[in-house]
């Protein structure tokens, strides 16, 4: 869904409009009836990548150079790291329980 609002409404209701964008809505901003900006939710793939970096699953340096989820290298696959998927899953479950 797309909503078009004048810049004055953005200034007066920024928090509400940002919440709508966070929920997946696209907001077009106008000045004097002319479109000047578009606010939209982040790319779902980028959001997943940021979550993987935040949880320590993906190295931030690797994430910055990746062109998509298919390019990232899990930390467990690096030399010296545990390469057993079961160990990685157990560690992730332990973190969720905290």
PDB file of N, CA and C in Angstrom:
ATOM      1  N   UNK A   1       0.835  -1.173   0.000  1.00  0.00           N
ATOM      2  CA  UNK A   1       0.000   0.000   0.000  1.00  0.00           C
ATOM      3  C   UNK A   1       0.888   1.249   0.000  1.00  0.00           C
ATOM      4  N   UNK A   2       0.448   2.287  -0.702  1.00  0.00           N
ATOM      5  CA  UNK A   2       1.181   3.541  -0.769  1.00  0.00           C
ATOM      6  C   UNK A   2       0.294   4.673  -0.282  1.00  0.00           C
ATOM      7  N   UNK A   3       0.878   5.522   0.537  1.00  0.00           N
ATOM      8  CA  UNK A   3       0.192   6.710   1.037  1.00  0.00           C
ATOM      9  C   UNK A   3       0.978   7.927   0.592  1.00  0.00           C
ATOM     10  N   UNK A   4       0.282   8.975   0.177  1.00  0.00           N
ATOM     11  CA  UNK A   4       0.936  10.217  -0.234  1.00  0.00           C
ATOM     12  C   UNK A   4       0.575  11.288   0.795  1.00  0.00           C
ATOM     13  N   UNK A   5       1.622  11.941   1.343  1.00  0.00           N
ATOM     14  CA  UNK A   5       1.392  12.964   2.367  1.00  0.00           C
ATOM     15  C   UNK A   5       2.229  14.203   2.068  1.00  0.00           C
ATOM     16  N   UNK A   6       1.697  15.383   2.412  1.00  0.00           N
ATOM     17  CA  UNK A   6       2.508  16.592   2.263  1.00  0.00           C
ATOM     18  C   UNK A   6       3.602  16.634   3.324  1.00  0.00           C
ATOM     19  N   UNK A   7       4.661  17.364   3.044  1.00  0.00           N
ATOM     20  CA  UNK A   7       5.802  17.417   3.943  1.00  0.00           C
ATOM     21  C   UNK A   7       5.405  17.922   5.336  1.00  0.00           C
ATOM     22  N   UNK A   8       4.438  18.802   5.411  1.00  0.00           N
ATOM     23  CA  UNK A   8       3.985  19.311   6.708  1.00  0.00           C
ATOM     24  C   UNK A   8       3.421  18.174   7.559  1.00  0.00           C
ATOM     25  N   UNK A   9       2.679  17.266   6.930  1.00  0.00           N
ATOM     26  CA  UNK A   9       2.146  16.116   7.674  1.00  0.00           C
ATOM     27  C   UNK A   9       3.280  15.208   8.153  1.00  0.00           C
ATOM     28  N   UNK A  10       4.326  15.057   7.336  1.00  0.00           N
ATOM     29  CA  UNK A  10       5.493  14.286   7.762  1.00  0.00           C
ATOM     30  C   UNK A  10       6.120  14.937   8.990  1.00  0.00           C
ATOM     31  N   UNK A  11       6.265  16.248   8.967  1.00  0.00           N
ATOM     32  CA  UNK A  11       6.862  16.958  10.092  1.00  0.00           C
ATOM     33  C   UNK A  11       6.030  16.797  11.364  1.00  0.00           C
ATOM     34  N   UNK A  12       4.733  16.810  11.233  1.00  0.00           N
ATOM     35  CA  UNK A  12       3.849  16.754  12.397  1.00  0.00           C
ATOM     36  C   UNK A  12       3.594  15.330  12.898  1.00  0.00           C
ATOM     37  N   UNK A  13       3.742  14.352  12.015  1.00  0.00           N
ATOM     38  CA  UNK A  13       3.392  12.964  12.365  1.00  0.00           C
ATOM     39  C   UNK A  13       4.494  11.986  11.961  1.00  0.00           C
ATOM     40  N   UNK A  14       5.747  12.405  12.102  1.00  0.00           N
ATOM     41  CA  UNK A  14       6.872  11.584  11.644  1.00  0.00           C
ATOM     42  C   UNK A  14       6.877  10.203  12.289  1.00  0.00           C
ATOM     43  N   UNK A  15       6.687  10.131  13.590  1.00  0.00           N
ATOM     44  CA  UNK A  15       6.742   8.842  14.281  1.00  0.00           C
ATOM     45  C   UNK A  15       5.671   7.877  13.760  1.00  0.00           C
ATOM     46  N   UNK A  16       4.478   8.377  13.589  1.00  0.00           N
ATOM     47  CA  UNK A  16       3.383   7.534  13.073  1.00  0.00           C
ATOM     48  C   UNK A  16       3.684   7.044  11.655  1.00  0.00           C
ATOM     49  N   UNK A  17       4.194   7.933  10.812  1.00  0.00           N
ATOM     50  CA  UNK A  17       4.508   7.545   9.437  1.00  0.00           C
ATOM     51  C   UNK A  17       5.658   6.549   9.384  1.00  0.00           C
ATOM     52  N   UNK A  18       6.657   6.731  10.236  1.00  0.00           N
ATOM     53  CA  UNK A  18       7.772   5.774  10.277  1.00  0.00           C
ATOM     54  C   UNK A  18       7.262   4.408  10.734  1.00  0.00           C
ATOM     55  N   UNK A  19       6.353   4.375  11.698  1.00  0.00           N
ATOM     56  CA  UNK A  19       5.759   3.096  12.129  1.00  0.00           C
ATOM     57  C   UNK A  19       5.045   2.416  10.971  1.00  0.00           C
ATOM     58  N   UNK A  20       4.354   3.190  10.149  1.00  0.00           N
ATOM     59  CA  UNK A  20       3.653   2.615   8.997  1.00  0.00           C
ATOM     60  C   UNK A  20       4.648   2.052   7.982  1.00  0.00           C
ATOM     61  N   UNK A  21       5.753   2.767   7.780  1.00  0.00           N
ATOM     62  CA  UNK A  21       6.802   2.277   6.870  1.00  0.00           C
ATOM     63  C   UNK A  21       7.404   0.990   7.427  1.00  0.00           C
ATOM     64  N   UNK A  22       7.652   0.965   8.739  1.00  0.00           N
ATOM     65  CA  UNK A  22       8.215  -0.237   9.365  1.00  0.00           C
ATOM     66  C   UNK A  22       7.281  -1.432   9.214  1.00  0.00           C
ATOM     67  N   UNK A  23       5.983  -1.162   9.116  1.00  0.00           N
ATOM     68  CA  UNK A  23       5.001  -2.230   8.934  1.00  0.00           C
ATOM     69  C   UNK A  23       4.879  -2.660   7.473  1.00  0.00           C
ATOM     70  N   UNK A  24       5.655  -2.004   6.583  1.00  0.00           N
ATOM     71  CA  UNK A  24       5.663  -2.432   5.185  1.00  0.00           C
ATOM     72  C   UNK A  24       5.021  -1.473   4.213  1.00  0.00           C
ATOM     73  N   UNK A  25       4.493  -0.374   4.705  1.00  0.00           N
ATOM     74  CA  UNK A  25       3.831   0.593   3.829  1.00  0.00           C
ATOM     75  C   UNK A  25       4.850   1.522   3.176  1.00  0.00           C
ATOM     76  N   UNK A  26       4.530   2.017   2.033  1.00  0.00           N
ATOM     77  CA  UNK A  26       5.361   2.995   1.313  1.00  0.00           C
ATOM     78  C   UNK A  26       4.694   4.351   1.472  1.00  0.00           C
ATOM     79  N   UNK A  27       5.472   5.380   1.824  1.00  0.00           N
ATOM     80  CA  UNK A  27       4.931   6.725   2.026  1.00  0.00           C
ATOM     81  C   UNK A  27       5.630   7.674   1.054  1.00  0.00           C
ATOM     82  N   UNK A  28       4.846   8.335   0.238  1.00  0.00           N
ATOM     83  CA  UNK A  28       5.373   9.329  -0.693  1.00  0.00           C
ATOM     84  C   UNK A  28       5.192  10.709  -0.070  1.00  0.00           C
ATOM     85  N   UNK A  29       6.252  11.517  -0.098  1.00  0.00           N
ATOM     86  CA  UNK A  29       6.238  12.846   0.490  1.00  0.00           C
ATOM     87  C   UNK A  29       6.144  13.877  -0.632  1.00  0.00           C
ATOM     88  N   UNK A  30       5.241  14.846  -0.463  1.00  0.00           N
ATOM     89  CA  UNK A  30       5.068  15.878  -1.478  1.00  0.00           C
ATOM     90  C   UNK A  30       5.340  17.263  -0.902  1.00  0.00           C
ATOM     91  N   UNK A  31       5.740  18.173  -1.771  1.00  0.00           N
ATOM     92  CA  UNK A  31       5.855  19.595  -1.441  1.00  0.00           C
ATOM     93  C   UNK A  31       5.136  20.350  -2.555  1.00  0.00           C
ATOM     94  N   UNK A  32       4.140  21.121  -2.164  1.00  0.00           N
ATOM     95  CA  UNK A  32       3.316  21.855  -3.138  1.00  0.00           C
ATOM     96  C   UNK A  32       2.723  20.908  -4.182  1.00  0.00           C
ATOM     97  N   UNK A  33       2.328  19.703  -3.733  1.00  0.00           N
ATOM     98  CA  UNK A  33       1.702  18.734  -4.624  1.00  0.00           C
ATOM     99  C   UNK A  33       2.667  17.940  -5.488  1.00  0.00           C
ATOM    100  N   UNK A  34       3.947  18.231  -5.376  1.00  0.00           N
ATOM    101  CA  UNK A  34       4.952  17.562  -6.216  1.00  0.00           C
ATOM    102  C   UNK A  34       5.709  16.527  -5.385  1.00  0.00           C
ATOM    103  N   UNK A  35       5.856  15.329  -5.907  1.00  0.00           N
ATOM    104  CA  UNK A  35       6.575  14.259  -5.217  1.00  0.00           C
ATOM    105  C   UNK A  35       8.042  14.636  -5.056  1.00  0.00           C
ATOM    106  N   UNK A  36       8.539  14.589  -3.782  1.00  0.00           N
ATOM    107  CA  UNK A  36       9.937  14.937  -3.539  1.00  0.00           C
ATOM    108  C   UNK A  36      10.731  13.811  -2.881  1.00  0.00           C
ATOM    109  N   UNK A  37      10.036  12.856  -2.245  1.00  0.00           N
ATOM    110  CA  UNK A  37      10.755  11.763  -1.572  1.00  0.00           C
ATOM    111  C   UNK A  37       9.817  10.584  -1.370  1.00  0.00           C
ATOM    112  N   UNK A  38      10.434   9.421  -1.196  1.00  0.00           N
ATOM    113  CA  UNK A  38       9.677   8.199  -0.930  1.00  0.00           C
ATOM    114  C   UNK A  38      10.327   7.488   0.252  1.00  0.00           C
ATOM    115  N   UNK A  39       9.515   7.156   1.244  1.00  0.00           N
ATOM    116  CA  UNK A  39       9.974   6.344   2.370  1.00  0.00           C
ATOM    117  C   UNK A  39       9.422   4.949   2.177  1.00  0.00           C
ATOM    118  N   UNK A  40      10.299   3.965   2.294  1.00  0.00           N
ATOM    119  CA  UNK A  40       9.851   2.592   2.127  1.00  0.00           C
ATOM    120  C   UNK A  40      10.575   1.669   3.072  1.00  0.00           C
ATOM    121  N   UNK A  41       9.998   0.505   3.327  1.00  0.00           N
ATOM    122  CA  UNK A  41      10.657  -0.454   4.215  1.00  0.00           C
ATOM    123  C   UNK A  41      11.945  -0.956   3.583  1.00  0.00           C
ATOM    124  N   UNK A  42      12.879  -1.408   4.415  1.00  0.00           N
ATOM    125  CA  UNK A  42      14.131  -1.929   3.859  1.00  0.00           C
ATOM    126  C   UNK A  42      13.892  -3.203   3.056  1.00  0.00           C
ATOM    127  N   UNK A  43      14.818  -3.473   2.183  1.00  0.00           N
ATOM    128  CA  UNK A  43      14.785  -4.687   1.399  1.00  0.00           C
ATOM    129  C   UNK A  43      14.794  -5.888   2.356  1.00  0.00           C
ATOM    130  N   UNK A  44      13.886  -6.854   2.199  1.00  0.00           N
ATOM    131  CA  UNK A  44      13.845  -7.999   3.117  1.00  0.00           C
ATOM    132  C   UNK A  44      15.175  -8.742   3.208  1.00  0.00           C
ATOM    133  N   UNK A  45      15.890  -8.860   2.098  1.00  0.00           N
ATOM    134  CA  UNK A  45      17.173  -9.553   2.115  1.00  0.00           C
ATOM    135  C   UNK A  45      18.199  -8.777   2.952  1.00  0.00           C
ATOM    136  N   UNK A  46      18.185  -7.454   2.840  1.00  0.00           N
ATOM    137  CA  UNK A  46      19.098  -6.626   3.634  1.00  0.00           C
ATOM    138  C   UNK A  46      18.766  -6.749   5.123  1.00  0.00           C
ATOM    139  N   UNK A  47      17.488  -6.803   5.455  1.00  0.00           N
ATOM    140  CA  UNK A  47      17.076  -6.951   6.852  1.00  0.00           C
ATOM    141  C   UNK A  47      17.573  -8.277   7.420  1.00  0.00           C
ATOM    142  N   UNK A  48      17.455  -9.353   6.639  1.00  0.00           N
ATOM    143  CA  UNK A  48      17.945 -10.655   7.083  1.00  0.00           C
ATOM    144  C   UNK A  48      19.456 -10.617   7.280  1.00  0.00           C
ATOM    145  N   UNK A  49      20.168  -9.991   6.337  1.00  0.00           N
ATOM    146  CA  UNK A  49      21.623  -9.901   6.451  1.00  0.00           C
ATOM    147  C   UNK A  49      22.015  -9.145   7.714  1.00  0.00           C
ATOM    148  N   UNK A  50      21.340  -8.043   8.020  1.00  0.00           N
ATOM    149  CA  UNK A  50      21.647  -7.283   9.229  1.00  0.00           C
ATOM    150  C   UNK A  50      21.379  -8.104  10.485  1.00  0.00           C
ATOM    151  N   UNK A  51      20.310  -8.907  10.466  1.00  0.00           N
ATOM    152  CA  UNK A  51      20.024  -9.785  11.612  1.00  0.00           C
ATOM    153  C   UNK A  51      21.119 -10.836  11.774  1.00  0.00           C
ATOM    154  N   UNK A  52      21.609 -11.379  10.667  1.00  0.00           N
ATOM    155  CA  UNK A  52      22.672 -12.377  10.734  1.00  0.00           C
ATOM    156  C   UNK A  52      23.968 -11.771  11.280  1.00  0.00           C
ATOM    157  N   UNK A  53      24.264 -10.550  10.897  1.00  0.00           N
ATOM    158  CA  UNK A  53      25.447  -9.864  11.428  1.00  0.00           C
ATOM    159  C   UNK A  53      25.263  -9.591  12.911  1.00  0.00           C
ATOM    160  N   UNK A  54      24.079  -9.103  13.286  1.00  0.00           N
ATOM    161  CA  UNK A  54      23.806  -8.762  14.681  1.00  0.00           C
ATOM    162  C   UNK A  54      23.926  -9.965  15.600  1.00  0.00           C
ATOM    163  N   UNK A  55      23.507 -11.129  15.137  1.00  0.00           N
ATOM    164  CA  UNK A  55      23.568 -12.337  15.963  1.00  0.00           C
ATOM    165  C   UNK A  55      24.930 -13.019  15.910  1.00  0.00           C
ATOM    166  N   UNK A  56      25.830 -12.502  15.073  1.00  0.00           N
ATOM    167  CA  UNK A  56      27.164 -13.087  14.992  1.00  0.00           C
ATOM    168  C   UNK A  56      27.266 -14.265  14.043  1.00  0.00           C
ATOM    169  N   UNK A  57      26.237 -14.517  13.268  1.00  0.00           N
ATOM    170  CA  UNK A  57      26.253 -15.624  12.321  1.00  0.00           C
ATOM    171  C   UNK A  57      27.101 -15.297  11.106  1.00  0.00           C
ATOM    172  N   UNK A  58      27.121 -14.025  10.731  1.00  0.00           N
ATOM    173  CA  UNK A  58      27.884 -13.586   9.564  1.00  0.00           C
ATOM    174  C   UNK A  58      28.867 -12.507  10.003  1.00  0.00           C
ATOM    175  N   UNK A  59      30.083 -12.586   9.501  1.00  0.00           N
ATOM    176  CA  UNK A  59      31.108 -11.587   9.773  1.00  0.00           C
ATOM    177  C   UNK A  59      30.700 -10.271   9.106  1.00  0.00           C
ATOM    178  N   UNK A  60      30.719  -9.152   9.834  1.00  0.00           N
ATOM    179  CA  UNK A  60      30.325  -7.873   9.238  1.00  0.00           C
ATOM    180  C   UNK A  60      31.139  -7.509   7.997  1.00  0.00           C
ATOM    181  N   UNK A  61      32.432  -7.863   7.977  1.00  0.00           N
ATOM    182  CA  UNK A  61      33.251  -7.559   6.799  1.00  0.00           C
ATOM    183  C   UNK A  61      32.759  -8.330   5.578  1.00  0.00           C
ATOM    184  N   UNK A  62      32.352  -9.580   5.795  1.00  0.00           N
ATOM    185  CA  UNK A  62      31.836 -10.404   4.704  1.00  0.00           C
ATOM    186  C   UNK A  62      30.479  -9.874   4.249  1.00  0.00           C
ATOM    187  N   UNK A  63      29.657  -9.430   5.181  1.00  0.00           N
ATOM    188  CA  UNK A  63      28.327  -8.932   4.841  1.00  0.00           C
ATOM    189  C   UNK A  63      28.420  -7.660   4.007  1.00  0.00           C
ATOM    190  N   UNK A  64      29.389  -6.814   4.319  1.00  0.00           N
ATOM    191  CA  UNK A  64      29.529  -5.549   3.596  1.00  0.00           C
ATOM    192  C   UNK A  64      29.871  -5.772   2.125  1.00  0.00           C
ATOM    193  N   UNK A  65      30.605  -6.834   1.822  1.00  0.00           N
ATOM    194  CA  UNK A  65      31.000  -7.078   0.438  1.00  0.00           C
ATOM    195  C   UNK A  65      30.046  -8.030  -0.288  1.00  0.00           C
ATOM    196  N   UNK A  66      29.129  -8.655   0.438  1.00  0.00           N
ATOM    197  CA  UNK A  66      28.193  -9.596  -0.191  1.00  0.00           C
ATOM    198  C   UNK A  66      27.178  -8.838  -1.038  1.00  0.00           C
ATOM    199  N   UNK A  67      26.831  -9.416  -2.161  1.00  0.00           N
ATOM    200  CA  UNK A  67      25.832  -8.815  -3.027  1.00  0.00           C
ATOM    201  C   UNK A  67      24.462  -9.429  -2.797  1.00  0.00           C
ATOM    202  N   UNK A  68      24.346 -10.294  -1.835  1.00  0.00           N
ATOM    203  CA  UNK A  68      23.081 -10.935  -1.524  1.00  0.00           C
ATOM    204  C   UNK A  68      23.325 -12.084  -0.578  1.00  0.00           C
ATOM    205  N   UNK A  69      22.270 -12.706  -0.128  1.00  0.00           N
ATOM    206  CA  UNK A  69      22.400 -13.788   0.840  1.00  0.00           C
ATOM    207  C   UNK A  69      23.176 -14.969   0.274  1.00  0.00           C
ATOM    208  N   UNK A  70      23.161 -15.140  -1.033  1.00  0.00           N
ATOM    209  CA  UNK A  70      23.892 -16.242  -1.637  1.00  0.00           C
ATOM    210  C   UNK A  70      25.403 -16.083  -1.570  1.00  0.00           C
ATOM    211  N   UNK A  71      25.882 -14.855  -1.314  1.00  0.00           N
ATOM    212  CA  UNK A  71      27.319 -14.590  -1.281  1.00  0.00           C
ATOM    213  C   UNK A  71      27.945 -14.680   0.104  1.00  0.00           C
ATOM    214  N   UNK A  72      27.146 -14.723   1.157  1.00  0.00           N
ATOM    215  CA  UNK A  72      27.743 -14.675   2.495  1.00  0.00           C
ATOM    216  C   UNK A  72      28.310 -16.013   2.909  1.00  0.00           C
ATOM    217  N   UNK A  73      29.317 -15.913   3.736  1.00  0.00           N
ATOM    218  CA  UNK A  73      30.018 -17.098   4.228  1.00  0.00           C
ATOM    219  C   UNK A  73      29.747 -17.230   5.723  1.00  0.00           C
ATOM    220  N   UNK A  74      29.122 -18.329   6.151  1.00  0.00           N
ATOM    221  CA  UNK A  74      28.853 -18.478   7.579  1.00  0.00           C
ATOM    222  C   UNK A  74      30.159 -18.555   8.367  1.00  0.00           C
ATOM    223  N   UNK A  75      30.134 -17.999   9.576  1.00  0.00           N
ATOM    224  CA  UNK A  75      31.329 -18.019  10.404  1.00  0.00           C
ATOM    225  C   UNK A  75      31.797 -19.441  10.683  1.00  0.00           C
ATOM    226  N   UNK A  76      30.879 -20.377  10.808  1.00  0.00           N
ATOM    227  CA  UNK A  76      31.249 -21.757  11.120  1.00  0.00           C
ATOM    228  C   UNK A  76      32.060 -22.401   9.998  1.00  0.00           C
ATOM    229  N   UNK A  77      31.985 -21.862   8.795  1.00  0.00           N
ATOM    230  CA  UNK A  77      32.706 -22.458   7.671  1.00  0.00           C
ATOM    231  C   UNK A  77      34.140 -21.954   7.565  1.00  0.00           C
ATOM    232  N   UNK A  78      34.530 -21.038   8.419  1.00  0.00           N
ATOM    233  CA  UNK A  78      35.878 -20.477   8.358  1.00  0.00           C
ATOM    234  C   UNK A  78      36.870 -21.386   9.072  1.00  0.00           C
ATOM    235  N   UNK A  79      38.109 -21.357   8.651  1.00  0.00           N
ATOM    236  CA  UNK A  79      39.135 -22.178   9.310  1.00  0.00           C
ATOM    237  C   UNK A  79      39.224 -21.841  10.792  1.00  0.00           C
ATOM    238  N   UNK A  80      39.338 -22.881  11.598  1.00  0.00           N
ATOM    239  CA  UNK A  80      39.460 -22.699  13.036  1.00  0.00           C
ATOM    240  C   UNK A  80      38.126 -22.611  13.757  1.00  0.00           C
ATOM    241  N   UNK A  81      37.047 -22.441  13.019  1.00  0.00           N
ATOM    242  CA  UNK A  81      35.723 -22.381  13.636  1.00  0.00           C
ATOM    243  C   UNK A  81      35.076 -23.755  13.553  1.00  0.00           C
ATOM    244  N   UNK A  82      34.108 -23.973  14.408  1.00  0.00           N
ATOM    245  CA  UNK A  82      33.381 -25.237  14.381  1.00  0.00           C
ATOM    246  C   UNK A  82      32.622 -25.349  13.069  1.00  0.00           C
ATOM    247  N   UNK A  83      32.790 -26.439  12.367  1.00  0.00           N
ATOM    248  CA  UNK A  83      32.093 -26.590  11.093  1.00  0.00           C
ATOM    249  C   UNK A  83      30.887 -27.512  11.205  1.00  0.00           C
ATOM    250  N   UNK A  84      30.594 -27.986  12.426  1.00  0.00           N
ATOM    251  CA  UNK A  84      29.446 -28.855  12.595  1.00  0.00           C
ATOM    252  C   UNK A  84      28.194 -28.009  12.736  1.00  0.00           C
ATOM    253  N   UNK A  85      27.269 -28.218  11.820  1.00  0.00           N
ATOM    254  CA  UNK A  85      26.031 -27.461  11.829  1.00  0.00           C
ATOM    255  C   UNK A  85      25.264 -27.672  13.129  1.00  0.00           C
ATOM    256  N   UNK A  86      25.305 -28.888  13.654  1.00  0.00           N
ATOM    257  CA  UNK A  86      24.584 -29.161  14.895  1.00  0.00           C
ATOM    258  C   UNK A  86      25.097 -28.300  16.045  1.00  0.00           C
ATOM    259  N   UNK A  87      26.416 -28.054  16.089  1.00  0.00           N
ATOM    260  CA  UNK A  87      26.979 -27.202  17.139  1.00  0.00           C
ATOM    261  C   UNK A  87      26.520 -25.762  16.979  1.00  0.00           C
ATOM    262  N   UNK A  88      26.462 -25.303  15.754  1.00  0.00           N
ATOM    263  CA  UNK A  88      26.000 -23.944  15.488  1.00  0.00           C
ATOM    264  C   UNK A  88      24.539 -23.799  15.908  1.00  0.00           C
ATOM    265  N   UNK A  89      23.714 -24.775  15.552  1.00  0.00           N
ATOM    266  CA  UNK A  89      22.300 -24.726  15.918  1.00  0.00           C
ATOM    267  C   UNK A  89      22.110 -24.762  17.424  1.00  0.00           C
ATOM    268  N   UNK A  90      22.874 -25.596  18.110  1.00  0.00           N
ATOM    269  CA  UNK A  90      22.784 -25.641  19.569  1.00  0.00           C
ATOM    270  C   UNK A  90      23.151 -24.296  20.188  1.00  0.00           C
ATOM    271  N   UNK A  91      24.202 -23.671  19.670  1.00  0.00           N
ATOM    272  CA  UNK A  91      24.627 -22.378  20.188  1.00  0.00           C
ATOM    273  C   UNK A  91      23.546 -21.320  19.944  1.00  0.00           C
ATOM    274  N   UNK A  92      22.929 -21.355  18.768  1.00  0.00           N
ATOM    275  CA  UNK A  92      21.862 -20.402  18.462  1.00  0.00           C
ATOM    276  C   UNK A  92      20.663 -20.612  19.378  1.00  0.00           C
ATOM    277  N   UNK A  93      20.314 -21.853  19.657  1.00  0.00           N
ATOM    278  CA  UNK A  93      19.184 -22.142  20.547  1.00  0.00           C
ATOM    279  C   UNK A  93      19.482 -21.685  21.972  1.00  0.00           C
ATOM    280  N   UNK A  94      20.714 -21.854  22.405  1.00  0.00           N
ATOM    281  CA  UNK A  94      21.107 -21.399  23.739  1.00  0.00           C
ATOM    282  C   UNK A  94      20.964 -19.881  23.831  1.00  0.00           C
ATOM    283  N   UNK A  95      21.356 -19.170  22.785  1.00  0.00           N
ATOM    284  CA  UNK A  95      21.239 -17.711  22.777  1.00  0.00           C
ATOM    285  C   UNK A  95      19.780 -17.286  22.821  1.00  0.00           C
ATOM    286  N   UNK A  96      18.902 -18.024  22.146  1.00  0.00           N
ATOM    287  CA  UNK A  96      17.486 -17.695  22.160  1.00  0.00           C
ATOM    288  C   UNK A  96      16.887 -17.886  23.537  1.00  0.00           C
ATOM    289  N   UNK A  97      17.367 -18.876  24.289  1.00  0.00           N
ATOM    290  CA  UNK A  97      16.823 -19.170  25.599  1.00  0.00           C
ATOM    291  C   UNK A  97      17.224 -18.133  26.645  1.00  0.00           C
ATOM    292  N   UNK A  98      18.260 -17.367  26.360  1.00  0.00           N
ATOM    293  CA  UNK A  98      18.716 -16.373  27.343  1.00  0.00           C
ATOM    294  C   UNK A  98      17.789 -15.224  27.445  1.00  0.00           C
TER     295      UNK A  98
END
